[in-house]
Amino acid sequence: MLTVLDAEDPPVHLVLGSDAPRLIEPGRQRLQNDIDDWAHLTASTDFPTDH
């Protein structure tokens, strides 16, 4: 923990424990799939800049 606290650029999310990556990966993949599948809708909500 001290290494993280002293880091110049500490992580926003810190995964601790050897089992943690295995446990969080399915959720991360679902999130990425949603981002990819709905990218067109995400972009469509931008405020028009050409006035």
C-alpha atoms as a PDB file:
ATOM      1  CA  MET A   1       0.000   0.000   0.000  1.00  0.00           C
ATOM      2  CA  LEU A   2       2.852   2.378   0.738  1.00  0.00           C
ATOM      3  CA  THR A   3       4.181   1.826  -2.770  1.00  0.00           C
ATOM      4  CA  VAL A   4       0.847   2.932  -4.205  1.00  0.00           C
ATOM      5  CA  LEU A   5       0.613   5.928  -1.884  1.00  0.00           C
ATOM      6  CA  ASP A   6       4.096   7.021  -2.862  1.00  0.00           C
ATOM      7  CA  ALA A   7       3.590   6.460  -6.590  1.00  0.00           C
ATOM      8  CA  GLU A   8       3.857   9.486  -8.854  1.00  0.00           C
ATOM      9  CA  ASP A   9       0.927   8.226 -10.931  1.00  0.00           C
ATOM     10  CA  PRO A  10      -1.071   5.843  -8.710  1.00  0.00           C
ATOM     11  CA  PRO A  11      -3.744   3.642 -10.256  1.00  0.00           C
ATOM     12  CA  VAL A  12      -7.352   4.748 -10.177  1.00  0.00           C
ATOM     13  CA  HIS A  13      -8.338   1.131  -9.613  1.00  0.00           C
ATOM     14  CA  LEU A  14      -6.052  -1.233  -7.768  1.00  0.00           C
ATOM     15  CA  VAL A  15      -6.713  -4.952  -8.094  1.00  0.00           C
ATOM     16  CA  LEU A  16      -5.322  -6.810  -5.097  1.00  0.00           C
ATOM     17  CA  GLY A  17      -5.077 -10.538  -4.532  1.00  0.00           C
ATOM     18  CA  SER A  18      -4.101 -13.306  -6.913  1.00  0.00           C
ATOM     19  CA  ASP A  19      -7.739 -14.290  -7.450  1.00  0.00           C
ATOM     20  CA  ALA A  20      -8.969 -10.751  -8.126  1.00  0.00           C
ATOM     21  CA  PRO A  21      -8.186 -10.555 -11.864  1.00  0.00           C
ATOM     22  CA  ARG A  22     -10.026 -13.824 -12.487  1.00  0.00           C
ATOM     23  CA  LEU A  23     -13.045 -12.567 -10.547  1.00  0.00           C
ATOM     24  CA  ILE A  24     -13.300  -9.145 -12.172  1.00  0.00           C
ATOM     25  CA  GLU A  25     -12.487 -10.064 -15.775  1.00  0.00           C
ATOM     26  CA  PRO A  26     -16.019 -11.253 -16.726  1.00  0.00           C
ATOM     27  CA  GLY A  27     -17.508  -7.947 -15.557  1.00  0.00           C
ATOM     28  CA  ARG A  28     -14.838  -5.962 -17.379  1.00  0.00           C
ATOM     29  CA  GLN A  29     -15.554  -7.902 -20.557  1.00  0.00           C
ATOM     30  CA  ARG A  30     -19.312  -7.284 -20.259  1.00  0.00           C
ATOM     31  CA  LEU A  31     -18.654  -3.572 -19.810  1.00  0.00           C
ATOM     32  CA  GLN A  32     -16.385  -3.467 -22.871  1.00  0.00           C
ATOM     33  CA  ASN A  33     -18.975  -5.365 -24.911  1.00  0.00           C
ATOM     34  CA  ASP A  34     -21.640  -2.821 -23.934  1.00  0.00           C
ATOM     35  CA  ILE A  35     -19.342   0.076 -24.828  1.00  0.00           C
ATOM     36  CA  ASP A  36     -18.563  -1.469 -28.206  1.00  0.00           C
ATOM     37  CA  ASP A  37     -22.143  -2.505 -28.992  1.00  0.00           C
ATOM     38  CA  TRP A  38     -23.600   0.900 -28.139  1.00  0.00           C
ATOM     39  CA  ALA A  39     -20.816   3.169 -29.431  1.00  0.00           C
ATOM     40  CA  HIS A  40     -23.096   4.529 -32.169  1.00  0.00           C
ATOM     41  CA  LEU A  41     -25.661   5.672 -29.588  1.00  0.00           C
ATOM     42  CA  THR A  42     -22.946   7.102 -27.362  1.00  0.00           C
ATOM     43  CA  ALA A  43     -21.614   9.239 -30.225  1.00  0.00           C
ATOM     44  CA  SER A  44     -25.112  10.303 -31.273  1.00  0.00           C
ATOM     45  CA  THR A  45     -25.622  12.189 -28.009  1.00  0.00           C
ATOM     46  CA  ASP A  46     -22.845  14.707 -28.679  1.00  0.00           C
ATOM     47  CA  PHE A  47     -23.912  18.337 -28.698  1.00  0.00           C
ATOM     48  CA  PRO A  48     -23.715  19.714 -32.253  1.00  0.00           C
ATOM     49  CA  THR A  49     -20.747  22.027 -32.686  1.00  0.00           C
ATOM     50  CA  ASP A  50     -21.583  23.303 -36.176  1.00  0.00           C
ATOM     51  CA  HIS A  51     -23.865  26.312 -35.632  1.00  0.00           C
END
